[in-house]
Amino acid sequence: MGPWSTRASQWFDLEVPMTGVKSVSLLYDANQAVADEPAALFCAEDENGCHLEVYPRSTGEVYICGCGGSEYIDESRLLPGGDLDRAEAVSPDPKRVAAASASFKGLSASVGADGPRRFQSCMRPCPPDALPILGGVPGVEGAYMACGHNCWGILWAPITGRIISELVVDGVSSVDLKAFDPGRFMKRTSGRGRKMGSVNVGEQW
């Protein structure tokens, strides 16, 4: 669910803070020179506010990200009723498309001269402490969360799959999940009220 995982705060007695980082990316058609000598490029920030990352693909495309000017979207806009409450509402910023197109044209006129074949926007899910949310939902038997991987979702996928499968099948993970606890954003216990371990559950007084 990406940044829309924050909706879990409405499903469970749980705080799931999440910022969506909306960023632009571009696709170009590669030429034969790129196909013959593909190389990824990681560029410093330029006069257009871009810090391009250039990735040739085996499909004959060149993927560009690092276009700069990412927009930070808070939970109020991601939850139902917000202006970005669904993936279909996410659209690229034309100013960043133009800036990145100009930067790449200056970097590689042979590939970038005609502009991108396609451009799009993604929304990365970022918890406030920049760590994924992984593990069981406090107080809800059989409910687990796995979200908030920022731009590293593919890298995290194998271990995340292992963690969740272990939790579902065995009830415990072989990985220490303390740092990723879904309940870590809830207020710690103080005074009286219902508790689930050290976490407030229900009304407090």
N, C-alpha and C. Protein backbone atom coordinates (compact mmCIF):
# COMPACT_ATOMS: atom_id res chain seq x y z
N MET A 1 0.81 -1.22 0.00
CA MET A 1 0.00 0.00 0.00
C MET A 1 0.84 1.27 0.00
N GLY A 2 2.15 1.12 0.10
CA GLY A 2 3.01 2.29 0.09
C GLY A 2 2.65 3.29 1.18
N PRO A 3 2.67 4.59 0.87
CA PRO A 3 2.37 5.60 1.89
C PRO A 3 0.95 5.52 2.42
N TRP A 4 0.06 4.87 1.65
CA TRP A 4 -1.33 4.73 2.10
C TRP A 4 -1.47 3.71 3.23
N SER A 5 -0.36 3.10 3.62
CA SER A 5 -0.37 2.22 4.81
C SER A 5 -0.76 3.00 6.06
N THR A 6 -0.67 4.31 6.00
CA THR A 6 -1.09 5.12 7.15
C THR A 6 -2.57 4.89 7.48
N ARG A 7 -3.33 4.33 6.54
CA ARG A 7 -4.74 4.03 6.80
C ARG A 7 -4.91 3.00 7.90
N ALA A 8 -3.86 2.24 8.18
CA ALA A 8 -3.96 1.26 9.26
C ALA A 8 -4.26 1.93 10.59
N SER A 9 -3.97 3.21 10.70
CA SER A 9 -4.30 3.94 11.93
C SER A 9 -5.80 4.02 12.14
N GLN A 10 -6.57 3.87 11.05
CA GLN A 10 -8.03 3.88 11.15
C GLN A 10 -8.60 2.47 11.34
N TRP A 11 -7.81 1.45 11.07
CA TRP A 11 -8.26 0.07 11.20
C TRP A 11 -8.00 -0.49 12.59
N PHE A 12 -6.85 -0.07 13.17
CA PHE A 12 -6.43 -0.60 14.46
C PHE A 12 -6.29 0.55 15.46
N ASP A 13 -6.18 0.21 16.73
CA ASP A 13 -5.89 1.20 17.76
C ASP A 13 -4.38 1.44 17.75
N LEU A 14 -3.91 2.14 16.71
CA LEU A 14 -2.49 2.20 16.41
C LEU A 14 -2.17 3.49 15.67
N GLU A 15 -1.04 4.09 16.00
CA GLU A 15 -0.58 5.26 15.27
C GLU A 15 0.38 4.80 14.18
N VAL A 16 0.08 5.17 12.94
CA VAL A 16 0.93 4.79 11.80
C VAL A 16 1.30 6.06 11.03
N PRO A 17 2.22 6.85 11.56
CA PRO A 17 2.61 8.08 10.85
C PRO A 17 3.40 7.75 9.59
N MET A 18 3.09 8.44 8.52
CA MET A 18 3.75 8.14 7.25
C MET A 18 3.74 9.40 6.38
N THR A 19 4.89 9.69 5.80
CA THR A 19 4.99 10.78 4.82
C THR A 19 5.18 10.16 3.44
N GLY A 20 4.43 10.64 2.49
CA GLY A 20 4.63 10.22 1.11
C GLY A 20 5.58 11.21 0.43
N VAL A 21 6.67 10.72 -0.12
CA VAL A 21 7.62 11.57 -0.82
C VAL A 21 7.38 11.40 -2.32
N LYS A 22 6.80 12.43 -2.93
CA LYS A 22 6.39 12.34 -4.35
C LYS A 22 7.52 12.85 -5.24
N SER A 23 7.99 11.98 -6.12
CA SER A 23 9.14 12.29 -6.95
C SER A 23 8.87 11.91 -8.41
N VAL A 24 9.56 12.61 -9.29
CA VAL A 24 9.40 12.42 -10.74
C VAL A 24 10.49 11.48 -11.26
N SER A 25 10.16 10.70 -12.27
CA SER A 25 11.16 9.91 -13.01
C SER A 25 10.83 9.96 -14.50
N LEU A 26 11.84 9.71 -15.33
CA LEU A 26 11.72 9.81 -16.78
C LEU A 26 12.20 8.52 -17.44
N LEU A 27 11.66 8.25 -18.62
CA LEU A 27 12.12 7.12 -19.43
C LEU A 27 12.50 7.62 -20.82
N TYR A 28 13.67 7.21 -21.28
CA TYR A 28 14.15 7.53 -22.62
C TYR A 28 14.41 6.24 -23.39
N ASP A 29 14.38 6.34 -24.70
CA ASP A 29 14.82 5.23 -25.53
C ASP A 29 16.34 5.27 -25.65
N ALA A 30 16.99 4.17 -25.33
CA ALA A 30 18.45 4.10 -25.44
C ALA A 30 18.87 3.97 -26.89
N ASN A 31 20.09 4.42 -27.18
CA ASN A 31 20.64 4.20 -28.52
C ASN A 31 21.63 3.04 -28.49
N GLN A 32 22.22 2.74 -29.61
CA GLN A 32 23.12 1.58 -29.69
C GLN A 32 24.36 1.76 -28.82
N ALA A 33 24.84 2.99 -28.72
CA ALA A 33 26.03 3.25 -27.91
C ALA A 33 25.78 2.89 -26.45
N VAL A 34 24.59 3.20 -25.96
CA VAL A 34 24.23 2.85 -24.59
C VAL A 34 24.11 1.33 -24.45
N ALA A 35 23.50 0.70 -25.44
CA ALA A 35 23.35 -0.75 -25.41
C ALA A 35 24.70 -1.45 -25.41
N ASP A 36 25.67 -0.88 -26.15
CA ASP A 36 27.00 -1.50 -26.25
C ASP A 36 27.81 -1.31 -24.97
N GLU A 37 27.64 -0.17 -24.33
CA GLU A 37 28.42 0.12 -23.11
C GLU A 37 27.51 0.72 -22.04
N PRO A 38 26.60 -0.07 -21.48
CA PRO A 38 25.70 0.46 -20.45
C PRO A 38 26.46 0.78 -19.16
N ALA A 39 26.12 1.90 -18.56
CA ALA A 39 26.75 2.29 -17.30
C ALA A 39 25.77 3.15 -16.50
N ALA A 40 25.64 2.85 -15.23
CA ALA A 40 24.81 3.69 -14.35
C ALA A 40 25.60 4.93 -13.96
N LEU A 41 24.92 6.05 -13.89
CA LEU A 41 25.56 7.32 -13.54
C LEU A 41 24.88 7.90 -12.30
N PHE A 42 25.69 8.46 -11.40
CA PHE A 42 25.18 9.13 -10.21
C PHE A 42 25.79 10.52 -10.18
N CYS A 43 24.95 11.53 -10.41
CA CYS A 43 25.44 12.88 -10.66
C CYS A 43 25.27 13.78 -9.44
N ALA A 44 26.17 14.74 -9.32
CA ALA A 44 26.04 15.76 -8.28
C ALA A 44 24.88 16.70 -8.63
N GLU A 45 24.43 17.46 -7.64
CA GLU A 45 23.35 18.41 -7.89
C GLU A 45 23.81 19.47 -8.88
N ASP A 46 22.92 19.81 -9.82
CA ASP A 46 23.28 20.76 -10.87
C ASP A 46 22.49 22.05 -10.75
N GLU A 47 22.64 22.91 -11.74
CA GLU A 47 21.98 24.22 -11.71
C GLU A 47 20.47 24.14 -11.84
N ASN A 48 19.95 22.99 -12.24
CA ASN A 48 18.50 22.81 -12.34
C ASN A 48 17.89 22.19 -11.08
N GLY A 49 18.72 22.00 -10.06
CA GLY A 49 18.23 21.39 -8.82
C GLY A 49 18.06 19.88 -8.93
N CYS A 50 18.69 19.28 -9.94
CA CYS A 50 18.62 17.82 -10.13
C CYS A 50 19.92 17.18 -9.65
N HIS A 51 19.81 15.96 -9.21
CA HIS A 51 20.99 15.13 -8.90
C HIS A 51 20.73 13.78 -9.56
N LEU A 52 20.81 13.79 -10.86
CA LEU A 52 20.32 12.67 -11.67
C LEU A 52 21.00 11.34 -11.33
N GLU A 53 20.16 10.30 -11.36
CA GLU A 53 20.63 8.91 -11.35
C GLU A 53 20.15 8.31 -12.67
N VAL A 54 21.08 7.74 -13.42
CA VAL A 54 20.81 7.28 -14.78
C VAL A 54 21.05 5.77 -14.84
N TYR A 55 20.01 5.04 -15.22
CA TYR A 55 20.09 3.58 -15.23
C TYR A 55 19.68 3.03 -16.60
N PRO A 56 20.62 2.57 -17.42
CA PRO A 56 20.25 1.86 -18.65
C PRO A 56 19.60 0.52 -18.29
N ARG A 57 18.58 0.14 -19.03
CA ARG A 57 17.88 -1.12 -18.78
C ARG A 57 18.09 -2.08 -19.95
N SER A 58 17.98 -3.36 -19.66
CA SER A 58 18.15 -4.37 -20.70
C SER A 58 17.01 -4.35 -21.71
N THR A 59 15.93 -3.63 -21.39
CA THR A 59 14.78 -3.53 -22.28
C THR A 59 14.96 -2.45 -23.35
N GLY A 60 16.12 -1.78 -23.35
CA GLY A 60 16.36 -0.73 -24.34
C GLY A 60 15.91 0.65 -23.90
N GLU A 61 15.70 0.80 -22.60
CA GLU A 61 15.29 2.08 -22.05
C GLU A 61 16.40 2.63 -21.16
N VAL A 62 16.33 3.92 -20.91
CA VAL A 62 17.17 4.57 -19.89
C VAL A 62 16.22 5.20 -18.88
N TYR A 63 16.37 4.77 -17.63
CA TYR A 63 15.51 5.27 -16.55
C TYR A 63 16.26 6.35 -15.79
N ILE A 64 15.56 7.47 -15.55
CA ILE A 64 16.16 8.63 -14.88
C ILE A 64 15.36 8.96 -13.63
N CYS A 65 16.05 9.06 -12.50
CA CYS A 65 15.42 9.60 -11.29
C CYS A 65 16.39 10.60 -10.67
N GLY A 66 16.13 11.03 -9.45
CA GLY A 66 16.95 12.08 -8.86
C GLY A 66 16.67 13.44 -9.49
N CYS A 67 15.39 13.67 -9.80
CA CYS A 67 15.00 14.89 -10.51
C CYS A 67 14.86 16.11 -9.59
N GLY A 68 14.99 15.89 -8.28
CA GLY A 68 14.93 17.01 -7.33
C GLY A 68 13.52 17.53 -7.12
N GLY A 69 13.37 18.39 -6.13
CA GLY A 69 12.09 19.03 -5.89
C GLY A 69 10.99 18.10 -5.42
N SER A 70 11.35 17.02 -4.74
CA SER A 70 10.32 16.08 -4.25
C SER A 70 9.37 16.79 -3.29
N GLU A 71 8.10 16.40 -3.37
CA GLU A 71 7.07 16.99 -2.52
C GLU A 71 6.76 16.02 -1.38
N TYR A 72 6.66 16.58 -0.16
CA TYR A 72 6.41 15.76 1.02
C TYR A 72 4.93 15.85 1.38
N ILE A 73 4.26 14.71 1.36
CA ILE A 73 2.81 14.63 1.52
C ILE A 73 2.49 14.06 2.90
N ASP A 74 1.71 14.80 3.70
CA ASP A 74 1.40 14.31 5.04
C ASP A 74 0.15 13.43 5.03
N GLU A 75 -0.12 12.84 6.22
CA GLU A 75 -1.20 11.86 6.33
C GLU A 75 -2.56 12.41 5.94
N SER A 76 -2.80 13.69 6.22
CA SER A 76 -4.13 14.26 5.94
C SER A 76 -4.46 14.22 4.46
N ARG A 77 -3.46 14.24 3.61
CA ARG A 77 -3.67 14.19 2.17
C ARG A 77 -3.72 12.76 1.64
N LEU A 78 -3.20 11.82 2.46
CA LEU A 78 -3.15 10.41 2.04
C LEU A 78 -4.39 9.63 2.48
N LEU A 79 -5.01 10.08 3.56
CA LEU A 79 -6.17 9.36 4.09
C LEU A 79 -7.40 9.61 3.22
N PRO A 80 -8.43 8.77 3.31
CA PRO A 80 -9.63 8.96 2.49
C PRO A 80 -10.19 10.37 2.61
N GLY A 81 -10.48 10.97 1.46
CA GLY A 81 -10.95 12.34 1.42
C GLY A 81 -9.87 13.34 1.11
N GLY A 82 -8.59 12.93 1.24
CA GLY A 82 -7.48 13.81 0.89
C GLY A 82 -7.30 13.89 -0.61
N ASP A 83 -6.57 14.90 -1.08
CA ASP A 83 -6.42 15.09 -2.52
C ASP A 83 -5.49 14.05 -3.16
N LEU A 84 -4.73 13.32 -2.34
CA LEU A 84 -3.86 12.27 -2.85
C LEU A 84 -4.15 10.96 -2.12
N ASP A 85 -5.42 10.63 -2.00
CA ASP A 85 -5.83 9.46 -1.24
C ASP A 85 -5.82 8.16 -2.05
N ARG A 86 -5.30 8.21 -3.30
CA ARG A 86 -5.23 7.02 -4.14
C ARG A 86 -4.12 7.21 -5.16
N ALA A 87 -3.59 6.11 -5.64
CA ALA A 87 -2.45 6.17 -6.55
C ALA A 87 -2.78 6.91 -7.83
N GLU A 88 -4.01 6.80 -8.29
CA GLU A 88 -4.40 7.43 -9.56
C GLU A 88 -4.32 8.96 -9.50
N ALA A 89 -4.33 9.51 -8.30
CA ALA A 89 -4.29 10.96 -8.14
C ALA A 89 -2.87 11.53 -8.18
N VAL A 90 -1.88 10.66 -8.17
CA VAL A 90 -0.48 11.09 -8.16
C VAL A 90 -0.02 11.40 -9.58
N SER A 91 0.39 12.62 -9.81
CA SER A 91 0.83 13.02 -11.15
C SER A 91 2.17 13.74 -11.06
N PRO A 92 2.97 13.69 -12.11
CA PRO A 92 4.30 14.32 -12.07
C PRO A 92 4.22 15.85 -12.12
N ASP A 93 5.17 16.48 -11.47
CA ASP A 93 5.30 17.93 -11.47
C ASP A 93 5.95 18.34 -12.80
N PRO A 94 5.24 19.08 -13.66
CA PRO A 94 5.81 19.43 -14.97
C PRO A 94 7.09 20.26 -14.88
N LYS A 95 7.24 21.03 -13.79
CA LYS A 95 8.46 21.82 -13.64
C LYS A 95 9.67 20.92 -13.41
N ARG A 96 9.48 19.84 -12.66
CA ARG A 96 10.59 18.92 -12.42
C ARG A 96 10.87 18.07 -13.65
N VAL A 97 9.83 17.75 -14.42
CA VAL A 97 10.03 17.04 -15.69
C VAL A 97 10.89 17.89 -16.61
N ALA A 98 10.57 19.18 -16.71
CA ALA A 98 11.33 20.08 -17.58
C ALA A 98 12.76 20.24 -17.10
N ALA A 99 12.93 20.37 -15.78
CA ALA A 99 14.27 20.55 -15.23
C ALA A 99 15.13 19.32 -15.47
N ALA A 100 14.57 18.15 -15.20
CA ALA A 100 15.34 16.92 -15.38
C ALA A 100 15.63 16.65 -16.85
N SER A 101 14.68 16.98 -17.72
CA SER A 101 14.89 16.80 -19.16
C SER A 101 16.05 17.66 -19.64
N ALA A 102 16.08 18.91 -19.15
CA ALA A 102 17.17 19.81 -19.53
C ALA A 102 18.51 19.30 -19.01
N SER A 103 18.51 18.80 -17.78
CA SER A 103 19.75 18.29 -17.21
C SER A 103 20.27 17.09 -17.98
N PHE A 104 19.37 16.17 -18.33
CA PHE A 104 19.82 14.97 -19.04
C PHE A 104 20.24 15.29 -20.47
N LYS A 105 19.57 16.24 -21.10
CA LYS A 105 19.96 16.65 -22.46
C LYS A 105 21.39 17.20 -22.44
N GLY A 106 21.70 17.96 -21.39
CA GLY A 106 23.06 18.48 -21.28
C GLY A 106 24.09 17.40 -20.99
N LEU A 107 23.64 16.33 -20.34
CA LEU A 107 24.54 15.22 -20.00
C LEU A 107 24.75 14.30 -21.19
N SER A 108 23.68 14.06 -21.95
CA SER A 108 23.75 13.13 -23.08
C SER A 108 22.83 13.61 -24.20
N ALA A 109 23.37 14.43 -25.08
CA ALA A 109 22.56 14.97 -26.18
C ALA A 109 22.09 13.86 -27.12
N SER A 110 22.87 12.81 -27.27
CA SER A 110 22.51 11.75 -28.22
C SER A 110 21.28 10.96 -27.77
N VAL A 111 21.06 10.86 -26.48
CA VAL A 111 19.89 10.14 -25.96
C VAL A 111 18.80 11.12 -25.52
N GLY A 112 19.20 12.23 -24.93
CA GLY A 112 18.23 13.14 -24.32
C GLY A 112 17.70 14.25 -25.19
N ALA A 113 18.20 14.39 -26.41
CA ALA A 113 17.85 15.54 -27.24
C ALA A 113 16.36 15.64 -27.53
N ASP A 114 15.71 14.52 -27.75
CA ASP A 114 14.29 14.54 -28.13
C ASP A 114 13.34 14.52 -26.94
N GLY A 115 13.87 14.55 -25.75
CA GLY A 115 13.02 14.55 -24.56
C GLY A 115 12.61 13.14 -24.17
N PRO A 116 12.01 13.00 -23.00
CA PRO A 116 11.63 11.67 -22.52
C PRO A 116 10.47 11.07 -23.30
N ARG A 117 10.52 9.75 -23.44
CA ARG A 117 9.40 9.04 -24.06
C ARG A 117 8.22 8.96 -23.11
N ARG A 118 8.53 8.94 -21.83
CA ARG A 118 7.49 8.83 -20.81
C ARG A 118 8.00 9.47 -19.52
N PHE A 119 7.10 10.05 -18.76
CA PHE A 119 7.46 10.53 -17.43
C PHE A 119 6.34 10.19 -16.47
N GLN A 120 6.70 10.02 -15.22
CA GLN A 120 5.73 9.57 -14.22
C GLN A 120 6.16 10.08 -12.85
N SER A 121 5.33 9.79 -11.88
CA SER A 121 5.63 10.18 -10.50
C SER A 121 5.32 9.01 -9.58
N CYS A 122 6.19 8.81 -8.58
CA CYS A 122 5.97 7.78 -7.59
C CYS A 122 5.81 8.45 -6.22
N MET A 123 5.39 7.68 -5.24
CA MET A 123 5.25 8.20 -3.88
C MET A 123 5.89 7.20 -2.92
N ARG A 124 7.02 7.58 -2.35
CA ARG A 124 7.75 6.69 -1.46
C ARG A 124 7.20 6.78 -0.03
N PRO A 125 7.05 5.64 0.66
CA PRO A 125 6.50 5.65 2.03
C PRO A 125 7.61 5.80 3.07
N CYS A 126 7.55 6.87 3.85
CA CYS A 126 8.63 7.17 4.80
C CYS A 126 8.08 7.42 6.21
N PRO A 127 8.28 6.47 7.15
CA PRO A 127 7.96 6.73 8.55
C PRO A 127 8.89 7.83 9.10
N PRO A 128 8.52 8.47 10.20
CA PRO A 128 9.30 9.60 10.71
C PRO A 128 10.72 9.23 11.16
N ASP A 129 10.95 7.97 11.53
CA ASP A 129 12.31 7.58 11.93
C ASP A 129 13.06 6.88 10.81
N ALA A 130 12.49 6.86 9.61
CA ALA A 130 13.13 6.31 8.41
C ALA A 130 13.37 4.81 8.48
N LEU A 131 12.71 4.11 9.38
CA LEU A 131 12.82 2.66 9.47
C LEU A 131 11.50 2.02 9.05
N PRO A 132 11.56 0.86 8.39
CA PRO A 132 10.31 0.17 8.03
C PRO A 132 9.50 -0.20 9.25
N ILE A 133 8.23 -0.42 9.02
CA ILE A 133 7.31 -0.92 10.05
C ILE A 133 7.09 -2.40 9.77
N LEU A 134 7.59 -3.25 10.66
CA LEU A 134 7.56 -4.70 10.44
C LEU A 134 7.20 -5.41 11.74
N GLY A 135 6.18 -6.25 11.69
CA GLY A 135 5.85 -7.06 12.85
C GLY A 135 4.38 -7.10 13.14
N GLY A 136 4.05 -7.67 14.30
CA GLY A 136 2.66 -7.82 14.69
C GLY A 136 2.05 -6.53 15.20
N VAL A 137 0.76 -6.36 14.93
CA VAL A 137 0.02 -5.19 15.42
C VAL A 137 -0.28 -5.42 16.91
N PRO A 138 0.12 -4.51 17.78
CA PRO A 138 -0.12 -4.70 19.22
C PRO A 138 -1.60 -4.89 19.53
N GLY A 139 -1.90 -5.96 20.26
CA GLY A 139 -3.27 -6.19 20.71
C GLY A 139 -4.20 -6.81 19.70
N VAL A 140 -3.70 -7.13 18.49
CA VAL A 140 -4.56 -7.71 17.45
C VAL A 140 -3.92 -9.02 16.98
N GLU A 141 -4.48 -10.12 17.41
CA GLU A 141 -3.90 -11.42 17.08
C GLU A 141 -4.03 -11.70 15.58
N GLY A 142 -2.93 -12.14 14.99
CA GLY A 142 -2.93 -12.51 13.57
C GLY A 142 -2.83 -11.36 12.60
N ALA A 143 -2.61 -10.14 13.09
CA ALA A 143 -2.46 -8.98 12.19
C ALA A 143 -1.00 -8.54 12.18
N TYR A 144 -0.45 -8.38 10.98
CA TYR A 144 0.96 -8.02 10.83
C TYR A 144 1.08 -6.87 9.84
N MET A 145 2.13 -6.09 10.00
CA MET A 145 2.38 -4.97 9.09
C MET A 145 3.77 -5.09 8.48
N ALA A 146 3.88 -4.68 7.23
CA ALA A 146 5.16 -4.62 6.53
C ALA A 146 5.08 -3.46 5.54
N CYS A 147 5.60 -2.31 5.92
CA CYS A 147 5.47 -1.12 5.08
C CYS A 147 6.56 -0.12 5.49
N GLY A 148 6.60 1.01 4.77
CA GLY A 148 7.50 2.09 5.13
C GLY A 148 8.95 1.87 4.73
N HIS A 149 9.19 1.24 3.57
CA HIS A 149 10.55 0.92 3.15
C HIS A 149 11.22 2.03 2.35
N ASN A 150 10.58 3.20 2.23
CA ASN A 150 11.12 4.31 1.46
C ASN A 150 11.43 3.83 0.03
N CYS A 151 12.62 4.17 -0.51
CA CYS A 151 12.94 3.79 -1.89
C CYS A 151 13.63 2.43 -1.95
N TRP A 152 13.71 1.72 -0.82
CA TRP A 152 14.46 0.48 -0.77
C TRP A 152 13.56 -0.75 -0.74
N GLY A 153 12.34 -0.63 -1.25
CA GLY A 153 11.39 -1.73 -1.18
C GLY A 153 11.88 -3.01 -1.84
N ILE A 154 12.49 -2.90 -3.03
CA ILE A 154 12.98 -4.09 -3.72
C ILE A 154 14.11 -4.74 -2.92
N LEU A 155 15.01 -3.90 -2.38
CA LEU A 155 16.12 -4.43 -1.60
C LEU A 155 15.64 -5.13 -0.33
N TRP A 156 14.61 -4.55 0.31
CA TRP A 156 14.08 -5.12 1.54
C TRP A 156 13.15 -6.31 1.30
N ALA A 157 12.70 -6.52 0.07
CA ALA A 157 11.64 -7.50 -0.20
C ALA A 157 11.97 -8.91 0.29
N PRO A 158 13.16 -9.46 0.01
CA PRO A 158 13.40 -10.85 0.44
C PRO A 158 13.32 -11.05 1.95
N ILE A 159 13.96 -10.17 2.72
CA ILE A 159 13.94 -10.36 4.18
C ILE A 159 12.57 -10.03 4.74
N THR A 160 11.86 -9.06 4.13
CA THR A 160 10.51 -8.75 4.59
C THR A 160 9.58 -9.95 4.38
N GLY A 161 9.70 -10.58 3.21
CA GLY A 161 8.89 -11.78 2.96
C GLY A 161 9.19 -12.89 3.95
N ARG A 162 10.46 -13.05 4.26
CA ARG A 162 10.84 -14.08 5.24
C ARG A 162 10.25 -13.75 6.62
N ILE A 163 10.38 -12.49 7.03
CA ILE A 163 9.87 -12.09 8.35
C ILE A 163 8.38 -12.36 8.47
N ILE A 164 7.61 -11.89 7.49
CA ILE A 164 6.15 -12.03 7.58
C ILE A 164 5.74 -13.50 7.48
N SER A 165 6.40 -14.27 6.62
CA SER A 165 6.05 -15.69 6.53
C SER A 165 6.35 -16.41 7.84
N GLU A 166 7.46 -16.07 8.49
CA GLU A 166 7.77 -16.68 9.78
C GLU A 166 6.73 -16.31 10.84
N LEU A 167 6.33 -15.05 10.83
CA LEU A 167 5.33 -14.62 11.80
C LEU A 167 4.00 -15.33 11.59
N VAL A 168 3.60 -15.47 10.34
CA VAL A 168 2.32 -16.12 10.04
C VAL A 168 2.36 -17.62 10.35
N VAL A 169 3.45 -18.27 9.96
CA VAL A 169 3.53 -19.73 10.10
C VAL A 169 3.96 -20.14 11.51
N ASP A 170 4.99 -19.47 12.05
CA ASP A 170 5.59 -19.89 13.32
C ASP A 170 5.19 -19.02 14.51
N GLY A 171 4.66 -17.83 14.21
CA GLY A 171 4.30 -16.93 15.30
C GLY A 171 5.45 -16.12 15.84
N VAL A 172 6.64 -16.32 15.32
CA VAL A 172 7.82 -15.57 15.76
C VAL A 172 8.80 -15.49 14.59
N SER A 173 9.56 -14.41 14.52
CA SER A 173 10.54 -14.24 13.45
C SER A 173 11.94 -14.53 13.97
N SER A 174 12.79 -15.02 13.09
CA SER A 174 14.19 -15.25 13.43
C SER A 174 14.98 -13.94 13.45
N VAL A 175 14.36 -12.85 13.02
CA VAL A 175 14.99 -11.53 12.98
C VAL A 175 14.52 -10.72 14.18
N ASP A 176 15.44 -10.00 14.82
CA ASP A 176 15.08 -9.12 15.93
C ASP A 176 14.33 -7.92 15.35
N LEU A 177 13.04 -7.79 15.68
CA LEU A 177 12.18 -6.76 15.09
C LEU A 177 11.94 -5.57 16.01
N LYS A 178 12.67 -5.49 17.10
CA LYS A 178 12.41 -4.44 18.08
C LYS A 178 12.45 -3.05 17.46
N ALA A 179 13.44 -2.78 16.61
CA ALA A 179 13.58 -1.45 16.01
C ALA A 179 12.46 -1.13 15.03
N PHE A 180 11.75 -2.18 14.54
CA PHE A 180 10.74 -1.99 13.50
C PHE A 180 9.32 -2.17 14.02
N ASP A 181 9.16 -2.26 15.32
CA ASP A 181 7.89 -2.55 15.98
C ASP A 181 6.78 -1.61 15.50
N PRO A 182 5.66 -2.15 14.98
CA PRO A 182 4.55 -1.29 14.56
C PRO A 182 3.99 -0.42 15.68
N GLY A 183 4.19 -0.81 16.93
CA GLY A 183 3.67 -0.02 18.05
C GLY A 183 4.60 1.06 18.55
N ARG A 184 5.73 1.27 17.86
CA ARG A 184 6.74 2.18 18.41
C ARG A 184 6.34 3.65 18.40
N PHE A 185 5.33 4.00 17.60
CA PHE A 185 4.91 5.40 17.53
C PHE A 185 3.77 5.72 18.51
N MET A 186 3.27 4.71 19.20
CA MET A 186 2.21 4.94 20.18
C MET A 186 2.81 5.50 21.45
N LYS A 187 2.03 6.29 22.17
CA LYS A 187 2.50 6.88 23.40
C LYS A 187 2.76 5.78 24.43
N ARG A 188 3.90 5.88 25.09
CA ARG A 188 4.23 4.91 26.12
C ARG A 188 3.33 5.10 27.32
N THR A 189 3.21 4.09 28.13
CA THR A 189 2.29 4.12 29.25
C THR A 189 2.71 5.13 30.30
N SER A 190 1.75 5.79 30.85
CA SER A 190 1.97 6.69 31.99
C SER A 190 0.65 6.81 32.72
N GLY A 191 0.66 6.63 34.02
CA GLY A 191 -0.57 6.71 34.79
C GLY A 191 -1.40 5.47 34.61
N ARG A 192 -2.72 5.63 34.65
CA ARG A 192 -3.62 4.49 34.61
C ARG A 192 -4.29 4.36 33.25
N GLY A 193 -4.87 3.21 33.02
CA GLY A 193 -5.56 2.95 31.76
C GLY A 193 -5.23 1.56 31.26
N ARG A 194 -5.89 1.14 30.21
CA ARG A 194 -5.65 -0.18 29.65
C ARG A 194 -4.30 -0.20 28.94
N LYS A 195 -3.55 -1.29 29.12
CA LYS A 195 -2.23 -1.41 28.53
C LYS A 195 -2.11 -2.71 27.74
N MET A 196 -1.21 -2.68 26.75
CA MET A 196 -0.79 -3.89 26.06
C MET A 196 0.73 -3.85 26.12
N GLY A 197 1.30 -4.53 27.10
CA GLY A 197 2.72 -4.37 27.38
C GLY A 197 2.96 -2.98 27.93
N SER A 198 3.83 -2.22 27.26
CA SER A 198 4.12 -0.84 27.70
C SER A 198 3.39 0.20 26.87
N VAL A 199 2.43 -0.25 26.06
CA VAL A 199 1.72 0.65 25.14
C VAL A 199 0.31 0.89 25.64
N ASN A 200 -0.12 2.17 25.59
CA ASN A 200 -1.51 2.49 25.94
C ASN A 200 -2.46 1.86 24.94
N VAL A 201 -3.51 1.23 25.42
CA VAL A 201 -4.56 0.66 24.56
C VAL A 201 -5.90 1.11 25.12
N GLY A 202 -6.68 1.81 24.31
CA GLY A 202 -7.97 2.29 24.79
C GLY A 202 -7.84 3.58 25.58
N GLU A 203 -8.87 3.89 26.33
CA GLU A 203 -8.91 5.17 27.06
C GLU A 203 -7.88 5.22 28.16
N GLN A 204 -7.22 6.37 28.30
CA GLN A 204 -6.22 6.62 29.34
C GLN A 204 -6.70 7.74 30.24
N TRP A 205 -6.30 7.69 31.51
CA TRP A 205 -6.67 8.77 32.43
C TRP A 205 -5.64 8.92 33.53
